[in-house]
Amino acid sequence: MVTVDMCLLETCESGGCSNILHVSDLPNYINANGTSFVGVGTSVVAECVCAATEFSKPVDCSPTHCLNGGRCVKDEWGDVRYVYLL
């Protein structure tokens, strides 16, 4: 596997650089003479931040979190998990 490190090309004055994975909402579609592939569009971007001190806000349950009959549940510690009923 080839390592993708966009921070090698970035000069950050703060000294910290983190590779951030961005995932597109739109699928990538390739059609090649009867064979087709569908995948997720992604990109890696360098950001001048120290990821060890960057904490994102806690995730809350919303109507769009779960699809196909899933249910969003917040446990006693405030962590969000998803329950799918079969």
PDB file of N, CA and C in Angstrom:
ATOM      1  N   MET A   1       0.835  -1.173   0.000  1.00  0.00           N
ATOM      2  CA  MET A   1       0.000   0.000   0.000  1.00  0.00           C
ATOM      3  C   MET A   1       0.883   1.239   0.000  1.00  0.00           C
ATOM      4  N   VAL A   2       0.507   2.215  -0.798  1.00  0.00           N
ATOM      5  CA  VAL A   2       1.266   3.446  -0.913  1.00  0.00           C
ATOM      6  C   VAL A   2       0.738   4.452   0.106  1.00  0.00           C
ATOM      7  N   THR A   3       1.627   5.054   0.854  1.00  0.00           N
ATOM      8  CA  THR A   3       1.245   6.055   1.847  1.00  0.00           C
ATOM      9  C   THR A   3       0.959   7.382   1.160  1.00  0.00           C
ATOM     10  N   VAL A   4      -0.156   8.018   1.502  1.00  0.00           N
ATOM     11  CA  VAL A   4      -0.508   9.336   0.986  1.00  0.00           C
ATOM     12  C   VAL A   4      -0.260  10.331   2.103  1.00  0.00           C
ATOM     13  N   ASP A   5       0.761  11.179   1.928  1.00  0.00           N
ATOM     14  CA  ASP A   5       1.099  12.175   2.943  1.00  0.00           C
ATOM     15  C   ASP A   5       1.201  13.533   2.275  1.00  0.00           C
ATOM     16  N   MET A   6       0.089  14.279   2.294  1.00  0.00           N
ATOM     17  CA  MET A   6       0.057  15.602   1.684  1.00  0.00           C
ATOM     18  C   MET A   6       0.842  16.617   2.509  1.00  0.00           C
ATOM     19  N   CYS A   7       1.167  16.283   3.760  1.00  0.00           N
ATOM     20  CA  CYS A   7       1.933  17.189   4.610  1.00  0.00           C
ATOM     21  C   CYS A   7       3.381  17.318   4.149  1.00  0.00           C
ATOM     22  N   LEU A   8       3.868  16.391   3.336  1.00  0.00           N
ATOM     23  CA  LEU A   8       5.221  16.505   2.806  1.00  0.00           C
ATOM     24  C   LEU A   8       5.359  17.715   1.891  1.00  0.00           C
ATOM     25  N   LEU A   9       4.254  18.128   1.276  1.00  0.00           N
ATOM     26  CA  LEU A   9       4.267  19.257   0.346  1.00  0.00           C
ATOM     27  C   LEU A   9       3.877  20.574   1.004  1.00  0.00           C
ATOM     28  N   GLU A  10       3.506  20.544   2.272  1.00  0.00           N
ATOM     29  CA  GLU A  10       2.970  21.715   2.974  1.00  0.00           C
ATOM     30  C   GLU A  10       3.991  22.260   3.962  1.00  0.00           C
ATOM     31  N   THR A  11       4.088  23.585   4.046  1.00  0.00           N
ATOM     32  CA  THR A  11       4.927  24.234   5.050  1.00  0.00           C
ATOM     33  C   THR A  11       4.007  24.941   6.036  1.00  0.00           C
ATOM     34  N   CYS A  12       3.977  24.445   7.260  1.00  0.00           N
ATOM     35  CA  CYS A  12       3.079  25.001   8.273  1.00  0.00           C
ATOM     36  C   CYS A  12       3.896  25.794   9.285  1.00  0.00           C
ATOM     37  N   GLU A  13       3.501  27.041   9.515  1.00  0.00           N
ATOM     38  CA  GLU A  13       4.202  27.890  10.472  1.00  0.00           C
ATOM     39  C   GLU A  13       3.996  27.412  11.905  1.00  0.00           C
ATOM     40  N   SER A  14       2.844  26.782  12.169  1.00  0.00           N
ATOM     41  CA  SER A  14       2.564  26.304  13.528  1.00  0.00           C
ATOM     42  C   SER A  14       3.351  25.048  13.864  1.00  0.00           C
ATOM     43  N   GLY A  15       3.919  24.405  12.861  1.00  0.00           N
ATOM     44  CA  GLY A  15       4.704  23.196  13.086  1.00  0.00           C
ATOM     45  C   GLY A  15       3.909  21.914  13.006  1.00  0.00           C
ATOM     46  N   GLY A  16       2.597  21.969  13.108  1.00  0.00           N
ATOM     47  CA  GLY A  16       1.779  20.766  13.052  1.00  0.00           C
ATOM     48  C   GLY A  16       1.032  20.666  11.740  1.00  0.00           C
ATOM     49  N   CYS A  17       1.016  19.482  11.168  1.00  0.00           N
ATOM     50  CA  CYS A  17       0.287  19.242   9.920  1.00  0.00           C
ATOM     51  C   CYS A  17      -0.431  17.908  10.039  1.00  0.00           C
ATOM     52  N   SER A  18      -1.679  17.871   9.593  1.00  0.00           N
ATOM     53  CA  SER A  18      -2.462  16.637   9.636  1.00  0.00           C
ATOM     54  C   SER A  18      -3.094  16.385   8.284  1.00  0.00           C
ATOM     55  N   ASN A  19      -3.111  15.126   7.884  1.00  0.00           N
ATOM     56  CA  ASN A  19      -3.792  14.711   6.667  1.00  0.00           C
ATOM     57  C   ASN A  19      -5.255  14.470   6.996  1.00  0.00           C
ATOM     58  N   ILE A  20      -6.148  15.168   6.299  1.00  0.00           N
ATOM     59  CA  ILE A  20      -7.581  15.065   6.544  1.00  0.00           C
ATOM     60  C   ILE A  20      -8.219  14.375   5.345  1.00  0.00           C
ATOM     61  N   LEU A  21      -8.973  13.305   5.602  1.00  0.00           N
ATOM     62  CA  LEU A  21      -9.666  12.572   4.547  1.00  0.00           C
ATOM     63  C   LEU A  21     -11.037  13.184   4.331  1.00  0.00           C
ATOM     64  N   HIS A  22     -11.314  13.621   3.105  1.00  0.00           N
ATOM     65  CA  HIS A  22     -12.622  14.149   2.731  1.00  0.00           C
ATOM     66  C   HIS A  22     -13.324  13.108   1.871  1.00  0.00           C
ATOM     67  N   VAL A  23     -14.562  12.785   2.223  1.00  0.00           N
ATOM     68  CA  VAL A  23     -15.354  11.804   1.488  1.00  0.00           C
ATOM     69  C   VAL A  23     -16.508  12.530   0.819  1.00  0.00           C
ATOM     70  N   SER A  24     -16.666  12.315  -0.487  1.00  0.00           N
ATOM     71  CA  SER A  24     -17.712  12.986  -1.259  1.00  0.00           C
ATOM     72  C   SER A  24     -19.057  12.302  -1.055  1.00  0.00           C
ATOM     73  N   ASP A  25     -20.130  13.084  -1.131  1.00  0.00           N
ATOM     74  CA  ASP A  25     -21.483  12.533  -1.051  1.00  0.00           C
ATOM     75  C   ASP A  25     -21.901  11.892  -2.372  1.00  0.00           C
ATOM     76  N   LEU A  26     -21.198  12.209  -3.435  1.00  0.00           N
ATOM     77  CA  LEU A  26     -21.552  11.688  -4.755  1.00  0.00           C
ATOM     78  C   LEU A  26     -20.694  10.470  -5.106  1.00  0.00           C
ATOM     79  N   PRO A  27     -21.304   9.426  -5.667  1.00  0.00           N
ATOM     80  CA  PRO A  27     -20.531   8.241  -6.045  1.00  0.00           C
ATOM     81  C   PRO A  27     -19.743   8.478  -7.334  1.00  0.00           C
ATOM     82  N   ASN A  28     -18.643   7.757  -7.486  1.00  0.00           N
ATOM     83  CA  ASN A  28     -17.893   7.732  -8.740  1.00  0.00           C
ATOM     84  C   ASN A  28     -18.339   6.506  -9.508  1.00  0.00           C
ATOM     85  N   TYR A  29     -18.600   6.672 -10.806  1.00  0.00           N
ATOM     86  CA  TYR A  29     -19.091   5.580 -11.632  1.00  0.00           C
ATOM     87  C   TYR A  29     -18.182   5.431 -12.845  1.00  0.00           C
ATOM     88  N   ILE A  30     -17.708   4.215 -13.096  1.00  0.00           N
ATOM     89  CA  ILE A  30     -16.863   3.926 -14.255  1.00  0.00           C
ATOM     90  C   ILE A  30     -17.520   2.810 -15.038  1.00  0.00           C
ATOM     91  N   ASN A  31     -17.742   3.041 -16.338  1.00  0.00           N
ATOM     92  CA  ASN A  31     -18.331   2.041 -17.226  1.00  0.00           C
ATOM     93  C   ASN A  31     -17.307   1.712 -18.301  1.00  0.00           C
ATOM     94  N   ALA A  32     -16.898   0.445 -18.377  1.00  0.00           N
ATOM     95  CA  ALA A  32     -15.861   0.045 -19.325  1.00  0.00           C
ATOM     96  C   ALA A  32     -16.290  -1.205 -20.079  1.00  0.00           C
ATOM     97  N   ASN A  33     -16.982  -1.026 -21.204  1.00  0.00           N
ATOM     98  CA  ASN A  33     -17.351  -2.125 -22.097  1.00  0.00           C
ATOM     99  C   ASN A  33     -18.020  -3.299 -21.382  1.00  0.00           C
ATOM    100  N   GLY A  34     -19.108  -3.056 -20.704  1.00  0.00           N
ATOM    101  CA  GLY A  34     -19.872  -4.125 -20.071  1.00  0.00           C
ATOM    102  C   GLY A  34     -19.540  -4.355 -18.615  1.00  0.00           C
ATOM    103  N   THR A  35     -18.458  -3.803 -18.134  1.00  0.00           N
ATOM    104  CA  THR A  35     -18.100  -3.911 -16.727  1.00  0.00           C
ATOM    105  C   THR A  35     -18.214  -2.522 -16.113  1.00  0.00           C
ATOM    106  N   SER A  36     -18.853  -2.441 -14.967  1.00  0.00           N
ATOM    107  CA  SER A  36     -18.986  -1.132 -14.324  1.00  0.00           C
ATOM    108  C   SER A  36     -18.550  -1.220 -12.866  1.00  0.00           C
ATOM    109  N   PHE A  37     -18.067  -0.103 -12.375  1.00  0.00           N
ATOM    110  CA  PHE A  37     -17.614   0.003 -10.997  1.00  0.00           C
ATOM    111  C   PHE A  37     -18.225   1.260 -10.388  1.00  0.00           C
ATOM    112  N   VAL A  38     -18.637   1.154  -9.136  1.00  0.00           N
ATOM    113  CA  VAL A  38     -19.145   2.305  -8.397  1.00  0.00           C
ATOM    114  C   VAL A  38     -18.331   2.399  -7.111  1.00  0.00           C
ATOM    115  N   GLY A  39     -17.843   3.589  -6.831  1.00  0.00           N
ATOM    116  CA  GLY A  39     -17.036   3.781  -5.630  1.00  0.00           C
ATOM    117  C   GLY A  39     -17.312   5.129  -5.001  1.00  0.00           C
ATOM    118  N   VAL A  40     -16.655   5.365  -3.909  1.00  0.00           N
ATOM    119  CA  VAL A  40     -16.807   6.601  -3.165  1.00  0.00           C
ATOM    120  C   VAL A  40     -15.674   7.546  -3.553  1.00  0.00           C
ATOM    121  N   GLY A  41     -16.005   8.804  -3.828  1.00  0.00           N
ATOM    122  CA  GLY A  41     -14.978   9.797  -4.139  1.00  0.00           C
ATOM    123  C   GLY A  41     -14.323  10.295  -2.866  1.00  0.00           C
ATOM    124  N   THR A  42     -12.992  10.264  -2.834  1.00  0.00           N
ATOM    125  CA  THR A  42     -12.255  10.722  -1.657  1.00  0.00           C
ATOM    126  C   THR A  42     -11.096  11.607  -2.075  1.00  0.00           C
ATOM    127  N   SER A  43     -10.625  12.404  -1.151  1.00  0.00           N
ATOM    128  CA  SER A  43      -9.403  13.179  -1.351  1.00  0.00           C
ATOM    129  C   SER A  43      -8.751  13.391   0.009  1.00  0.00           C
ATOM    130  N   VAL A  44      -7.435  13.528  -0.008  1.00  0.00           N
ATOM    131  CA  VAL A  44      -6.679  13.797   1.216  1.00  0.00           C
ATOM    132  C   VAL A  44      -6.123  15.207   1.109  1.00  0.00           C
ATOM    133  N   VAL A  45      -6.378  16.013   2.147  1.00  0.00           N
ATOM    134  CA  VAL A  45      -5.969  17.418   2.156  1.00  0.00           C
ATOM    135  C   VAL A  45      -5.100  17.664   3.386  1.00  0.00           C
ATOM    136  N   ALA A  46      -4.023  18.425   3.205  1.00  0.00           N
ATOM    137  CA  ALA A  46      -3.170  18.798   4.334  1.00  0.00           C
ATOM    138  C   ALA A  46      -3.746  20.026   5.022  1.00  0.00           C
ATOM    139  N   GLU A  47      -3.838  19.971   6.348  1.00  0.00           N
ATOM    140  CA  GLU A  47      -4.291  21.119   7.132  1.00  0.00           C
ATOM    141  C   GLU A  47      -3.260  21.398   8.225  1.00  0.00           C
ATOM    142  N   CYS A  48      -2.946  22.663   8.403  1.00  0.00           N
ATOM    143  CA  CYS A  48      -1.944  23.070   9.392  1.00  0.00           C
ATOM    144  C   CYS A  48      -2.566  23.141  10.785  1.00  0.00           C
ATOM    145  N   VAL A  49      -2.790  21.992  11.380  1.00  0.00           N
ATOM    146  CA  VAL A  49      -3.307  21.877  12.739  1.00  0.00           C
ATOM    147  C   VAL A  49      -2.623  20.698  13.406  1.00  0.00           C
ATOM    148  N   CYS A  50      -2.607  20.710  14.696  1.00  0.00           N
ATOM    149  CA  CYS A  50      -2.108  19.566  15.453  1.00  0.00           C
ATOM    150  C   CYS A  50      -3.304  18.696  15.795  1.00  0.00           C
ATOM    151  N   ALA A  51      -3.432  17.557  15.167  1.00  0.00           N
ATOM    152  CA  ALA A  51      -4.605  16.700  15.350  1.00  0.00           C
ATOM    153  C   ALA A  51      -4.713  16.152  16.769  1.00  0.00           C
ATOM    154  N   ALA A  52      -3.615  16.125  17.503  1.00  0.00           N
ATOM    155  CA  ALA A  52      -3.656  15.604  18.870  1.00  0.00           C
ATOM    156  C   ALA A  52      -4.433  16.533  19.797  1.00  0.00           C
ATOM    157  N   THR A  53      -4.573  17.815  19.418  1.00  0.00           N
ATOM    158  CA  THR A  53      -5.303  18.758  20.262  1.00  0.00           C
ATOM    159  C   THR A  53      -6.624  19.190  19.644  1.00  0.00           C
ATOM    160  N   GLU A  54      -6.966  18.662  18.476  1.00  0.00           N
ATOM    161  CA  GLU A  54      -8.218  19.001  17.813  1.00  0.00           C
ATOM    162  C   GLU A  54      -9.255  17.931  18.141  1.00  0.00           C
ATOM    163  N   PHE A  55     -10.247  18.285  18.924  1.00  0.00           N
ATOM    164  CA  PHE A  55     -11.298  17.347  19.280  1.00  0.00           C
ATOM    165  C   PHE A  55     -12.600  17.850  18.684  1.00  0.00           C
ATOM    166  N   SER A  56     -13.244  17.019  17.888  1.00  0.00           N
ATOM    167  CA  SER A  56     -14.509  17.431  17.280  1.00  0.00           C
ATOM    168  C   SER A  56     -15.620  17.362  18.319  1.00  0.00           C
ATOM    169  N   LYS A  57     -16.682  18.115  18.054  1.00  0.00           N
ATOM    170  CA  LYS A  57     -17.805  18.114  18.985  1.00  0.00           C
ATOM    171  C   LYS A  57     -18.492  16.750  18.963  1.00  0.00           C
ATOM    172  N   PRO A  58     -19.130  16.358  20.030  1.00  0.00           N
ATOM    173  CA  PRO A  58     -19.805  15.059  20.070  1.00  0.00           C
ATOM    174  C   PRO A  58     -20.920  14.971  19.026  1.00  0.00           C
ATOM    175  N   VAL A  59     -21.093  13.787  18.513  1.00  0.00           N
ATOM    176  CA  VAL A  59     -22.126  13.547  17.511  1.00  0.00           C
ATOM    177  C   VAL A  59     -23.474  13.390  18.205  1.00  0.00           C
ATOM    178  N   ASP A  60     -24.492  14.037  17.662  1.00  0.00           N
ATOM    179  CA  ASP A  60     -25.845  13.891  18.180  1.00  0.00           C
ATOM    180  C   ASP A  60     -26.679  13.091  17.192  1.00  0.00           C
ATOM    181  N   CYS A  61     -27.677  12.417  17.686  1.00  0.00           N
ATOM    182  CA  CYS A  61     -28.585  11.675  16.821  1.00  0.00           C
ATOM    183  C   CYS A  61     -29.450  12.664  16.045  1.00  0.00           C
ATOM    184  N   SER A  62     -29.629  12.399  14.776  1.00  0.00           N
ATOM    185  CA  SER A  62     -30.511  13.209  13.942  1.00  0.00           C
ATOM    186  C   SER A  62     -31.268  12.265  13.007  1.00  0.00           C
ATOM    187  N   PRO A  63     -32.346  12.718  12.399  1.00  0.00           N
ATOM    188  CA  PRO A  63     -33.127  11.840  11.520  1.00  0.00           C
ATOM    189  C   PRO A  63     -32.342  11.308  10.324  1.00  0.00           C
ATOM    190  N   THR A  64     -31.271  11.997   9.919  1.00  0.00           N
ATOM    191  CA  THR A  64     -30.516  11.551   8.744  1.00  0.00           C
ATOM    192  C   THR A  64     -29.342  10.634   9.078  1.00  0.00           C
ATOM    193  N   HIS A  65     -29.103  10.350  10.363  1.00  0.00           N
ATOM    194  CA  HIS A  65     -27.973   9.498  10.726  1.00  0.00           C
ATOM    195  C   HIS A  65     -28.161   8.046  10.297  1.00  0.00           C
ATOM    196  N   CYS A  66     -29.343   7.523  10.416  1.00  0.00           N
ATOM    197  CA  CYS A  66     -29.577   6.110  10.141  1.00  0.00           C
ATOM    198  C   CYS A  66     -30.524   5.948   8.960  1.00  0.00           C
ATOM    199  N   LEU A  67     -30.174   5.024   8.089  1.00  0.00           N
ATOM    200  CA  LEU A  67     -31.001   4.715   6.934  1.00  0.00           C
ATOM    201  C   LEU A  67     -31.379   3.238   6.971  1.00  0.00           C
ATOM    202  N   ASN A  68     -32.299   2.850   6.135  1.00  0.00           N
ATOM    203  CA  ASN A  68     -32.688   1.444   5.969  1.00  0.00           C
ATOM    204  C   ASN A  68     -33.158   0.791   7.267  1.00  0.00           C
ATOM    205  N   GLY A  69     -33.923   1.524   8.063  1.00  0.00           N
ATOM    206  CA  GLY A  69     -34.498   0.941   9.270  1.00  0.00           C
ATOM    207  C   GLY A  69     -33.610   0.997  10.494  1.00  0.00           C
ATOM    208  N   GLY A  70     -32.495   1.706  10.420  1.00  0.00           N
ATOM    209  CA  GLY A  70     -31.602   1.808  11.574  1.00  0.00           C
ATOM    210  C   GLY A  70     -32.113   2.821  12.575  1.00  0.00           C
ATOM    211  N   ARG A  71     -31.582   2.742  13.790  1.00  0.00           N
ATOM    212  CA  ARG A  71     -32.000   3.647  14.858  1.00  0.00           C
ATOM    213  C   ARG A  71     -30.756   4.157  15.577  1.00  0.00           C
ATOM    214  N   CYS A  72     -30.698   5.455  15.808  1.00  0.00           N
ATOM    215  CA  CYS A  72     -29.584   6.085  16.505  1.00  0.00           C
ATOM    216  C   CYS A  72     -29.859   6.051  18.005  1.00  0.00           C
ATOM    217  N   VAL A  73     -28.880   5.564  18.781  1.00  0.00           N
ATOM    218  CA  VAL A  73     -29.040   5.442  20.230  1.00  0.00           C
ATOM    219  C   VAL A  73     -27.839   6.091  20.907  1.00  0.00           C
ATOM    220  N   LYS A  74     -28.094   6.918  21.918  1.00  0.00           N
ATOM    221  CA  LYS A  74     -27.019   7.517  22.705  1.00  0.00           C
ATOM    222  C   LYS A  74     -26.960   6.792  24.044  1.00  0.00           C
ATOM    223  N   ASP A  75     -25.767   6.267  24.390  1.00  0.00           N
ATOM    224  CA  ASP A  75     -25.644   5.502  25.632  1.00  0.00           C
ATOM    225  C   ASP A  75     -25.430   6.428  26.827  1.00  0.00           C
ATOM    226  N   GLU A  76     -25.238   5.836  28.011  1.00  0.00           N
ATOM    227  CA  GLU A  76     -25.137   6.618  29.246  1.00  0.00           C
ATOM    228  C   GLU A  76     -23.893   7.504  29.309  1.00  0.00           C
ATOM    229  N   TRP A  77     -22.868   7.233  28.459  1.00  0.00           N
ATOM    230  CA  TRP A  77     -21.664   8.063  28.413  1.00  0.00           C
ATOM    231  C   TRP A  77     -21.748   9.149  27.333  1.00  0.00           C
ATOM    232  N   GLY A  78     -22.859   9.171  26.594  1.00  0.00           N
ATOM    233  CA  GLY A  78     -23.027  10.161  25.550  1.00  0.00           C
ATOM    234  C   GLY A  78     -22.500   9.747  24.195  1.00  0.00           C
ATOM    235  N   ASP A  79     -22.016   8.505  24.092  1.00  0.00           N
ATOM    236  CA  ASP A  79     -21.526   8.003  22.809  1.00  0.00           C
ATOM    237  C   ASP A  79     -22.699   7.569  21.946  1.00  0.00           C
ATOM    238  N   VAL A  80     -22.593   7.842  20.663  1.00  0.00           N
ATOM    239  CA  VAL A  80     -23.656   7.496  19.720  1.00  0.00           C
ATOM    240  C   VAL A  80     -23.329   6.166  19.067  1.00  0.00           C
ATOM    241  N   ARG A  81     -24.316   5.302  18.977  1.00  0.00           N
ATOM    242  CA  ARG A  81     -24.163   4.044  18.241  1.00  0.00           C
ATOM    243  C   ARG A  81     -25.422   3.814  17.426  1.00  0.00           C
ATOM    244  N   TYR A  82     -25.314   2.967  16.460  1.00  0.00           N
ATOM    245  CA  TYR A  82     -26.410   2.738  15.534  1.00  0.00           C
ATOM    246  C   TYR A  82     -26.870   1.290  15.644  1.00  0.00           C
ATOM    247  N   VAL A  83     -28.162   1.108  15.771  1.00  0.00           N
ATOM    248  CA  VAL A  83     -28.750  -0.221  15.924  1.00  0.00           C
ATOM    249  C   VAL A  83     -29.602  -0.502  14.687  1.00  0.00           C
ATOM    250  N   TYR A  84     -29.336  -1.618  14.046  1.00  0.00           N
ATOM    251  CA  TYR A  84     -30.123  -2.024  12.890  1.00  0.00           C
ATOM    252  C   TYR A  84     -30.904  -3.284  13.242  1.00  0.00           C
ATOM    253  N   LEU A  85     -32.185  -3.233  13.095  1.00  0.00           N
ATOM    254  CA  LEU A  85     -33.051  -4.367  13.402  1.00  0.00           C
ATOM    255  C   LEU A  85     -33.175  -5.229  12.169  1.00  0.00           C
ATOM    256  N   LEU A  86     -32.928  -6.504  12.328  1.00  0.00           N
ATOM    257  CA  LEU A  86     -33.023  -7.431  11.184  1.00  0.00           C
ATOM    258  C   LEU A  86     -34.371  -8.079  11.108  1.00  0.00           C
TER     259      LEU A  86
END
